[in-house]
């Protein structure tokens, strides 16, 4: 761990699971990224070559350290573990299938630091064909409304405002989130009750409730090779995705709904 804290330093936290196909490239990019002082990889019981690749990077670069969990406690737990094992004033949560450019995180931090209020920022995500990921800009889901109008689920995406470099949204993608550590600590980090999916929605909602601006930097585009870890256990992923959505509904909406609506949302999820 670093002996002194630089106010501009960034700690990159990467949670892996069966990520051998992408983690080498991901870490190579993070190691040459500007302002990255610490890199923490938290592995959730990978059985492929993920840990061998991470260990090689750790031997080559003292900034890279890893935590090898013997089981898979989930993405939220891993993010919190990685954050606790770093000191930098800025935290960047980076998926192992996300490919930053050398200036991505420094530019994102510049956007976040240029304000009197805390900012939690994402980027313009694209796939290998250059297609934008709708998950980069989303509205808060209102499950009761979605139950009445099933098509509402497809309207959660927010259109890109090309004229706005920093576009406020309700939710950014957990594929890349950058925020000041003080904000992360103030809201208590990720809710570890989520195993997979919806934890980014939850974190964004609590950040906004704490007075932070949640926004997408439209002028920073990053390649996201989606679903690398999910391909190994699709049924497991889908189960916990729906479990996460139910937890989110119970936490933020259920108390305002009657038992019939709650049952309907449960059945729909």
Foldseek 3Di string as FASTA:
>chain_A
DDPDEDQQAEEEEEEDAQLVVQQLQQVVQLVLAPRHQAYEYEYAQHPDCVVVSQVVVCVVDVRYDYHYDNHQLADQVRQVVSLVVDDYQKYKYAYSQWHAHNHQVSVVVVVQVPDPFWEKEAEFEAAPVRHTDQQQAFAQDDLLVCLVPVCVVVVGGDDDDVVDQKAFHQFGDSNIIMTGVVLCVVLPGFDSVQHAAPSRNVSSNSSVVVPYTYTYRHVGYIYGHPDSNCVVPVVVRVVSNLVNVLVVCVVPPPVVDDPVSNVSSNVVD
